[in-house]
Protein backbone atom coordinates (compact mmCIF):
# COMPACT_ATOMS: atom_id res chain seq x y z
CA MET A 1 272.76 122.00 87.19
CA SER A 2 276.40 120.96 88.43
CA ASN A 3 276.59 121.23 92.21
CA LEU A 4 278.71 124.45 91.96
CA GLY A 5 276.60 126.00 95.03
CA GLU A 6 276.19 129.62 95.36
CA PHE A 7 278.43 132.81 94.73
CA GLU A 8 278.91 135.51 96.61
CA ASN A 9 279.58 139.17 95.60
CA PHE A 10 282.83 140.87 96.10
CA ILE A 11 282.16 143.94 97.86
CA ASP A 12 285.29 145.85 98.80
CA SER A 13 287.79 143.31 99.65
CA ALA A 14 285.36 140.88 100.93
CA PHE A 15 283.20 138.37 100.12
CA VAL A 16 279.27 138.93 100.94
CA ALA A 17 276.13 137.28 100.47
CA GLY A 18 273.93 139.37 98.53
CA ALA A 19 270.86 141.18 100.27
CA GLY A 20 268.73 140.72 96.92
CA ARG A 21 266.97 138.09 95.03
CA ARG A 22 268.53 134.31 93.94
CA PHE A 23 269.12 133.82 89.98
CA GLU A 24 270.48 131.07 88.17
CA ASP A 25 274.25 132.42 86.80
CA ILE A 26 274.04 131.10 83.38
CA ASP A 27 277.28 130.44 81.15
CA PRO A 28 276.14 131.74 77.58
CA THR A 29 278.10 129.49 75.43
CA THR A 30 276.65 126.34 76.72
CA GLY A 31 272.88 127.34 78.65
CA GLU A 32 274.07 125.76 81.41
CA VAL A 33 273.30 126.77 85.04
CA ILE A 34 276.86 127.32 86.14
CA GLY A 35 275.53 128.41 89.77
CA LEU A 36 273.21 130.90 92.43
CA VAL A 37 273.75 134.06 92.75
CA HIS A 38 272.29 136.73 94.93
CA GLU A 39 271.92 140.07 93.54
CA ALA A 40 273.23 143.06 95.95
CA ASP A 41 270.47 145.69 97.31
CA ARG A 42 271.00 149.26 97.20
CA ALA A 43 273.12 149.54 100.52
CA GLN A 44 275.53 147.18 98.96
CA VAL A 45 275.65 148.83 95.49
CA ASP A 46 276.28 151.63 97.58
CA LEU A 47 279.47 149.99 99.46
CA VAL A 48 280.82 148.85 96.04
CA VAL A 49 280.60 152.59 94.63
CA THR A 50 282.59 154.03 97.69
CA ALA A 51 285.05 151.07 97.47
CA ALA A 52 285.51 152.03 93.81
CA GLN A 53 285.81 155.55 94.31
CA ARG A 54 288.51 154.88 96.85
CA ALA A 55 290.29 152.60 94.73
CA LEU A 56 290.60 155.42 92.05
CA LYS A 57 292.53 157.49 94.35
CA GLY A 58 295.04 154.84 94.99
CA PRO A 59 297.36 152.79 92.73
CA TRP A 60 294.74 151.14 90.72
CA GLY A 61 293.65 154.80 89.73
CA GLU A 62 297.31 155.39 88.80
CA MET A 63 297.49 152.57 86.13
CA SER A 64 296.71 152.97 82.67
CA GLU A 65 293.58 151.46 81.56
CA ALA A 66 295.39 149.00 79.50
CA ASP A 67 297.30 148.04 82.59
CA ARG A 68 294.15 147.44 84.67
CA SER A 69 292.71 145.22 81.86
CA THR A 70 295.51 143.27 81.66
CA LEU A 71 295.10 142.42 85.46
CA LEU A 72 291.57 141.81 85.45
CA VAL A 73 292.11 139.33 81.93
CA ARG A 74 294.88 137.66 83.86
CA LEU A 75 292.25 137.46 87.33
CA TYR A 76 289.23 135.81 85.12
CA ALA A 77 291.86 133.30 83.45
CA ASP A 78 293.09 132.39 87.09
CA THR A 79 289.60 132.12 88.38
CA ARG A 80 288.51 129.81 85.29
CA ASN A 81 291.50 127.87 85.75
CA ILE A 82 290.81 127.34 89.58
CA CYS A 83 287.34 126.74 89.26
CA ALA A 84 287.72 124.32 86.32
CA LYS A 85 289.87 121.93 88.93
CA PRO A 86 288.30 118.85 90.34
């Protein structure tokens, strides 16, 4: 495994250590372990759901599904580019 460390969960605009069990995050295209992740516990999942419901009442909810999808794809690409840099 490359030394990528442990990933945190992004909950309500903040990175938070998961409170559940730790597991390996595996790249499905290579089978390589790319990091370690902790599951969220029930309370953390409740926070995520509440944050998502609140987001849908604002600008995010006013955007079309296509526009939200475009932003998420860009975020994914930007994240991959950042993680790929040495």
